[in-house]
Amino acid sequence: LFIGEAPKPFVAPILDIEENDPSVLEKELIFIEASAAVGKSTLARQLSATLKAPILDLAKVAVSGGSLRTLLADLEAADKSDPLAAFHEGRIPVIVDALDEGRLLSSETGIEQFLISTAELLRSNRTVTSRPKLIFLGRFESTELARQQIELNAPGMTHITANVEFFDKEGAE
């Protein structure tokens, strides 16, 4: 896990969210979907730098069952509190980037076990349900598979999906 540096320059992409009300983001899980090469990892770094939220880059770190709990336990919270407790309270949300690449690096079995154990971790403490704990970034199929796996193993988790749209001409320039 690492805190990303803000990309320079950074042009915020267009986020398509179900509703315009900011309270829709008061969910435990946020899934951000986009096509290839739209800037999901750049967005992940910007979110990390802005929120001081750690990134788990699945393109670089192989995962399996229990990986998130282990990585969180090894994390030192800024206020020296228990990082697992801070995660459950939504004070240390984790940005899980590169779901697609993670399926290749960790294998389908590894990523499936990671998602199952992540769902179990989320289910183990439901005292806070209105703050983001995990922000997943990936292409449409990978985020859908992650969402389904978590819903199967931790039903009732609050979640929202946002789509990152291609830049308009002005933003691309």
C-alpha atoms as a PDB file:
ATOM      1  CA  LEU A   1       0.000   0.000   0.000  1.00  0.00           C
ATOM      2  CA  PHE A   2       1.268   3.468  -0.823  1.00  0.00           C
ATOM      3  CA  ILE A   3      -0.022   7.032  -0.921  1.00  0.00           C
ATOM      4  CA  GLY A   4       0.050   8.302  -4.498  1.00  0.00           C
ATOM      5  CA  GLU A   5       1.526  11.579  -5.642  1.00  0.00           C
ATOM      6  CA  ALA A   6      -0.825  13.953  -7.384  1.00  0.00           C
ATOM      7  CA  PRO A   7      -0.292  13.744 -11.145  1.00  0.00           C
ATOM      8  CA  LYS A   8       0.787  17.007 -12.746  1.00  0.00           C
ATOM      9  CA  PRO A   9      -0.987  18.203 -14.715  1.00  0.00           C
ATOM     10  CA  PHE A  10      -4.292  16.679 -13.669  1.00  0.00           C
ATOM     11  CA  VAL A  11      -7.536  17.285 -15.508  1.00  0.00           C
ATOM     12  CA  ALA A  12     -10.488  15.832 -13.652  1.00  0.00           C
ATOM     13  CA  PRO A  13     -12.405  13.361 -15.783  1.00  0.00           C
ATOM     14  CA  ILE A  14     -16.156  13.439 -16.173  1.00  0.00           C
ATOM     15  CA  LEU A  15     -17.725  11.131 -13.586  1.00  0.00           C
ATOM     16  CA  ASP A  16     -21.146   9.796 -14.420  1.00  0.00           C
ATOM     17  CA  ILE A  17     -22.868   8.976 -11.117  1.00  0.00           C
ATOM     18  CA  GLU A  18     -26.425   7.700 -10.749  1.00  0.00           C
ATOM     19  CA  GLU A  19     -27.619  10.887  -9.050  1.00  0.00           C
ATOM     20  CA  ASN A  20     -26.226  14.397  -8.676  1.00  0.00           C
ATOM     21  CA  ASP A  21     -26.675  14.359  -4.888  1.00  0.00           C
ATOM     22  CA  PRO A  22     -23.228  14.104  -3.218  1.00  0.00           C
ATOM     23  CA  SER A  23     -24.710  11.872  -0.501  1.00  0.00           C
ATOM     24  CA  VAL A  24     -24.818   9.015  -3.020  1.00  0.00           C
ATOM     25  CA  LEU A  25     -21.092   8.614  -2.314  1.00  0.00           C
ATOM     26  CA  GLU A  26     -21.815   7.831   1.346  1.00  0.00           C
ATOM     27  CA  LYS A  27     -21.388   4.119   0.664  1.00  0.00           C
ATOM     28  CA  GLU A  28     -18.944   1.478   1.853  1.00  0.00           C
ATOM     29  CA  LEU A  29     -17.887   0.533  -1.650  1.00  0.00           C
ATOM     30  CA  ILE A  30     -17.355   2.752  -4.667  1.00  0.00           C
ATOM     31  CA  PHE A  31     -16.815   1.100  -8.032  1.00  0.00           C
ATOM     32  CA  ILE A  32     -15.299   3.326 -10.707  1.00  0.00           C
ATOM     33  CA  GLU A  33     -15.596   1.862 -14.182  1.00  0.00           C
ATOM     34  CA  ALA A  34     -14.026   2.999 -17.423  1.00  0.00           C
ATOM     35  CA  SER A  35     -12.760   1.723 -20.719  1.00  0.00           C
ATOM     36  CA  ALA A  36      -9.076   1.038 -21.297  1.00  0.00           C
ATOM     37  CA  ALA A  37      -6.707   4.024 -21.356  1.00  0.00           C
ATOM     38  CA  VAL A  38      -9.209   6.545 -19.959  1.00  0.00           C
ATOM     39  CA  GLY A  39      -7.070   7.409 -16.928  1.00  0.00           C
ATOM     40  CA  LYS A  40      -8.260   5.174 -14.085  1.00  0.00           C
ATOM     41  CA  SER A  41      -4.789   4.866 -12.542  1.00  0.00           C
ATOM     42  CA  THR A  42      -4.196   8.609 -12.872  1.00  0.00           C
ATOM     43  CA  LEU A  43      -7.505   9.173 -11.110  1.00  0.00           C
ATOM     44  CA  ALA A  44      -6.476   6.653  -8.430  1.00  0.00           C
ATOM     45  CA  ARG A  45      -3.256   8.591  -7.757  1.00  0.00           C
ATOM     46  CA  GLN A  46      -5.142  11.890  -7.576  1.00  0.00           C
ATOM     47  CA  LEU A  47      -7.703  10.423  -5.160  1.00  0.00           C
ATOM     48  CA  SER A  48      -4.912   8.950  -3.058  1.00  0.00           C
ATOM     49  CA  ALA A  49      -3.009  12.234  -2.873  1.00  0.00           C
ATOM     50  CA  THR A  50      -6.150  14.223  -2.088  1.00  0.00           C
ATOM     51  CA  LEU A  51      -7.648  11.828   0.472  1.00  0.00           C
ATOM     52  CA  LYS A  52      -4.334  10.465   1.830  1.00  0.00           C
ATOM     53  CA  ALA A  53      -5.817   7.058   1.080  1.00  0.00           C
ATOM     54  CA  PRO A  54      -3.483   4.166   0.295  1.00  0.00           C
ATOM     55  CA  ILE A  55      -3.510   2.518  -3.114  1.00  0.00           C
ATOM     56  CA  LEU A  56      -3.328  -1.218  -3.638  1.00  0.00           C
ATOM     57  CA  ASP A  57      -2.081  -1.500  -7.229  1.00  0.00           C
ATOM     58  CA  LEU A  58      -3.108  -4.956  -8.402  1.00  0.00           C
ATOM     59  CA  ALA A  59      -0.952  -4.559 -11.506  1.00  0.00           C
ATOM     60  CA  LYS A  60       2.111  -4.698  -9.231  1.00  0.00           C
ATOM     61  CA  VAL A  61       1.031  -6.684  -6.164  1.00  0.00           C
ATOM     62  CA  ALA A  62      -0.196 -10.258  -6.400  1.00  0.00           C
ATOM     63  CA  VAL A  63      -3.055 -10.939  -3.990  1.00  0.00           C
ATOM     64  CA  SER A  64      -4.932 -13.903  -2.612  1.00  0.00           C
ATOM     65  CA  GLY A  65      -7.041 -14.776   0.408  1.00  0.00           C
ATOM     66  CA  GLY A  66      -6.341 -12.516   3.391  1.00  0.00           C
ATOM     67  CA  SER A  67      -4.139 -10.056   1.490  1.00  0.00           C
ATOM     68  CA  LEU A  68      -6.104  -6.919   2.359  1.00  0.00           C
ATOM     69  CA  ARG A  69      -6.230  -7.728   6.096  1.00  0.00           C
ATOM     70  CA  THR A  70      -2.473  -8.391   6.109  1.00  0.00           C
ATOM     71  CA  LEU A  71      -1.655  -5.212   4.183  1.00  0.00           C
ATOM     72  CA  LEU A  72      -3.864  -3.132   6.469  1.00  0.00           C
ATOM     73  CA  ALA A  73      -2.369  -4.686   9.604  1.00  0.00           C
ATOM     74  CA  ASP A  74       1.098  -3.689   8.359  1.00  0.00           C
ATOM     75  CA  LEU A  75      -0.018  -0.127   7.623  1.00  0.00           C
ATOM     76  CA  GLU A  76       0.870   2.573  10.115  1.00  0.00           C
ATOM     77  CA  ALA A  77      -2.044   4.959  10.570  1.00  0.00           C
ATOM     78  CA  ALA A  78      -1.125   8.651  10.623  1.00  0.00           C
ATOM     79  CA  ASP A  79      -2.691   9.081  14.054  1.00  0.00           C
ATOM     80  CA  LYS A  80      -1.048   5.873  15.373  1.00  0.00           C
ATOM     81  CA  SER A  81      -4.452   4.196  15.793  1.00  0.00           C
ATOM     82  CA  ASP A  82      -5.250   0.616  14.841  1.00  0.00           C
ATOM     83  CA  PRO A  83      -5.339   0.635  11.002  1.00  0.00           C
ATOM     84  CA  LEU A  84      -7.967  -2.145  10.833  1.00  0.00           C
ATOM     85  CA  ALA A  85     -10.270  -0.181  13.130  1.00  0.00           C
ATOM     86  CA  ALA A  86      -9.620   2.981  11.081  1.00  0.00           C
ATOM     87  CA  PHE A  87     -10.461   1.042   7.903  1.00  0.00           C
ATOM     88  CA  HIS A  88     -13.759  -0.195   9.356  1.00  0.00           C
ATOM     89  CA  GLU A  89     -14.600   3.354  10.461  1.00  0.00           C
ATOM     90  CA  GLY A  90     -13.933   4.670   6.947  1.00  0.00           C
ATOM     91  CA  ARG A  91     -10.983   6.783   8.110  1.00  0.00           C
ATOM     92  CA  ILE A  92      -8.530   4.800   5.932  1.00  0.00           C
ATOM     93  CA  PRO A  93     -10.310   3.952   2.709  1.00  0.00           C
ATOM     94  CA  VAL A  94      -8.256   1.774   0.375  1.00  0.00           C
ATOM     95  CA  ILE A  95      -8.132   2.437  -3.355  1.00  0.00           C
ATOM     96  CA  VAL A  96      -7.918  -0.862  -5.239  1.00  0.00           C
ATOM     97  CA  ASP A  97      -6.578  -0.012  -8.680  1.00  0.00           C
ATOM     98  CA  ALA A  98      -6.104  -2.137 -11.788  1.00  0.00           C
ATOM     99  CA  LEU A  99      -8.672  -4.877 -11.203  1.00  0.00           C
ATOM    100  CA  ASP A 100      -8.131  -6.061 -14.779  1.00  0.00           C
ATOM    101  CA  GLU A 101      -4.365  -6.376 -14.484  1.00  0.00           C
ATOM    102  CA  GLY A 102      -4.832  -7.989 -11.061  1.00  0.00           C
ATOM    103  CA  ARG A 103      -6.831 -10.777 -12.647  1.00  0.00           C
ATOM    104  CA  LEU A 104      -3.790 -11.508 -14.818  1.00  0.00           C
ATOM    105  CA  LEU A 105      -1.080 -11.099 -12.155  1.00  0.00           C
ATOM    106  CA  SER A 106      -2.855 -12.936  -9.340  1.00  0.00           C
ATOM    107  CA  SER A 107      -4.808 -15.391 -11.536  1.00  0.00           C
ATOM    108  CA  GLU A 108      -8.574 -15.775 -11.437  1.00  0.00           C
ATOM    109  CA  THR A 109      -8.273 -17.982  -8.346  1.00  0.00           C
ATOM    110  CA  GLY A 110      -6.069 -15.487  -6.511  1.00  0.00           C
ATOM    111  CA  ILE A 111      -8.293 -12.515  -7.260  1.00  0.00           C
ATOM    112  CA  GLU A 112     -11.402 -14.521  -6.352  1.00  0.00           C
ATOM    113  CA  GLN A 113      -9.892 -15.501  -2.989  1.00  0.00           C
ATOM    114  CA  PHE A 114      -8.846 -11.878  -2.436  1.00  0.00           C
ATOM    115  CA  LEU A 115     -12.410 -10.668  -3.063  1.00  0.00           C
ATOM    116  CA  ILE A 116     -13.955 -13.366  -0.858  1.00  0.00           C
ATOM    117  CA  SER A 117     -11.646 -12.585   2.058  1.00  0.00           C
ATOM    118  CA  THR A 118     -12.147  -8.840   1.492  1.00  0.00           C
ATOM    119  CA  ALA A 119     -15.916  -9.374   1.709  1.00  0.00           C
ATOM    120  CA  GLU A 120     -15.417 -11.325   4.945  1.00  0.00           C
ATOM    121  CA  LEU A 121     -13.282  -8.494   6.329  1.00  0.00           C
ATOM    122  CA  LEU A 122     -15.968  -5.942   5.426  1.00  0.00           C
ATOM    123  CA  ARG A 123     -18.702  -8.122   6.931  1.00  0.00           C
ATOM    124  CA  SER A 124     -16.765  -8.524  10.194  1.00  0.00           C
ATOM    125  CA  ASN A 125     -17.486  -4.942  11.281  1.00  0.00           C
ATOM    126  CA  ARG A 126     -20.558  -3.084   9.999  1.00  0.00           C
ATOM    127  CA  THR A 127     -20.668  -0.270  12.577  1.00  0.00           C
ATOM    128  CA  VAL A 128     -20.015   2.374   9.889  1.00  0.00           C
ATOM    129  CA  THR A 129     -21.887   1.950   6.605  1.00  0.00           C
ATOM    130  CA  SER A 130     -21.971   5.506   5.277  1.00  0.00           C
ATOM    131  CA  ARG A 131     -18.266   6.126   4.596  1.00  0.00           C
ATOM    132  CA  PRO A 132     -16.179   4.683   1.764  1.00  0.00           C
ATOM    133  CA  LYS A 133     -13.925   1.813   2.799  1.00  0.00           C
ATOM    134  CA  LEU A 134     -12.929   0.553  -0.637  1.00  0.00           C
ATOM    135  CA  ILE A 135     -12.749   2.297  -3.987  1.00  0.00           C
ATOM    136  CA  PHE A 136     -12.318  -0.155  -6.868  1.00  0.00           C
ATOM    137  CA  LEU A 137     -11.119   0.970 -10.291  1.00  0.00           C
ATOM    138  CA  GLY A 138     -11.307  -1.223 -13.347  1.00  0.00           C
ATOM    139  CA  ARG A 139     -12.908  -1.917 -16.666  1.00  0.00           C
ATOM    140  CA  PHE A 140     -16.596  -2.763 -16.733  1.00  0.00           C
ATOM    141  CA  GLU A 141     -16.336  -6.561 -16.651  1.00  0.00           C
ATOM    142  CA  SER A 142     -13.779  -6.640 -13.839  1.00  0.00           C
ATOM    143  CA  THR A 143     -15.691  -4.259 -11.597  1.00  0.00           C
ATOM    144  CA  GLU A 144     -18.879  -6.224 -12.215  1.00  0.00           C
ATOM    145  CA  LEU A 145     -17.148  -9.472 -11.219  1.00  0.00           C
ATOM    146  CA  ALA A 146     -15.757  -7.803  -8.074  1.00  0.00           C
ATOM    147  CA  ARG A 147     -19.171  -6.388  -7.180  1.00  0.00           C
ATOM    148  CA  GLN A 148     -20.844  -9.772  -7.664  1.00  0.00           C
ATOM    149  CA  GLN A 149     -18.234 -11.598  -5.588  1.00  0.00           C
ATOM    150  CA  ILE A 150     -18.583  -9.139  -2.710  1.00  0.00           C
ATOM    151  CA  GLU A 151     -22.385  -9.172  -2.890  1.00  0.00           C
ATOM    152  CA  LEU A 152     -22.357 -12.978  -2.726  1.00  0.00           C
ATOM    153  CA  ASN A 153     -20.056 -13.059   0.295  1.00  0.00           C
ATOM    154  CA  ALA A 154     -21.164  -9.893   2.110  1.00  0.00           C
ATOM    155  CA  PRO A 155     -24.772  -9.194   1.179  1.00  0.00           C
ATOM    156  CA  GLY A 156     -26.111  -5.798   2.115  1.00  0.00           C
ATOM    157  CA  MET A 157     -22.924  -3.812   1.604  1.00  0.00           C
ATOM    158  CA  THR A 158     -23.752  -0.276   0.529  1.00  0.00           C
ATOM    159  CA  HIS A 159     -22.223   0.567  -2.839  1.00  0.00           C
ATOM    160  CA  ILE A 160     -22.350   2.909  -5.808  1.00  0.00           C
ATOM    161  CA  THR A 161     -20.954   2.725  -9.317  1.00  0.00           C
ATOM    162  CA  ALA A 162     -19.516   5.678 -11.203  1.00  0.00           C
ATOM    163  CA  ASN A 163     -18.378   5.684 -14.812  1.00  0.00           C
ATOM    164  CA  VAL A 164     -15.400   7.673 -16.012  1.00  0.00           C
ATOM    165  CA  GLU A 165     -16.175   9.128 -19.381  1.00  0.00           C
ATOM    166  CA  PHE A 166     -13.747   9.973 -22.160  1.00  0.00           C
ATOM    167  CA  PHE A 167     -12.499  13.541 -22.112  1.00  0.00           C
ATOM    168  CA  ASP A 168     -14.151  16.065 -24.318  1.00  0.00           C
ATOM    169  CA  LYS A 169     -11.880  17.846 -26.835  1.00  0.00           C
ATOM    170  CA  GLU A 170     -11.039  20.696 -24.446  1.00  0.00           C
ATOM    171  CA  GLY A 171     -10.142  18.322 -21.580  1.00  0.00           C
ATOM    172  CA  ALA A 172      -8.075  16.111 -23.872  1.00  0.00           C
ATOM    173  CA  GLU A 173      -6.070  19.081 -25.093  1.00  0.00           C
END
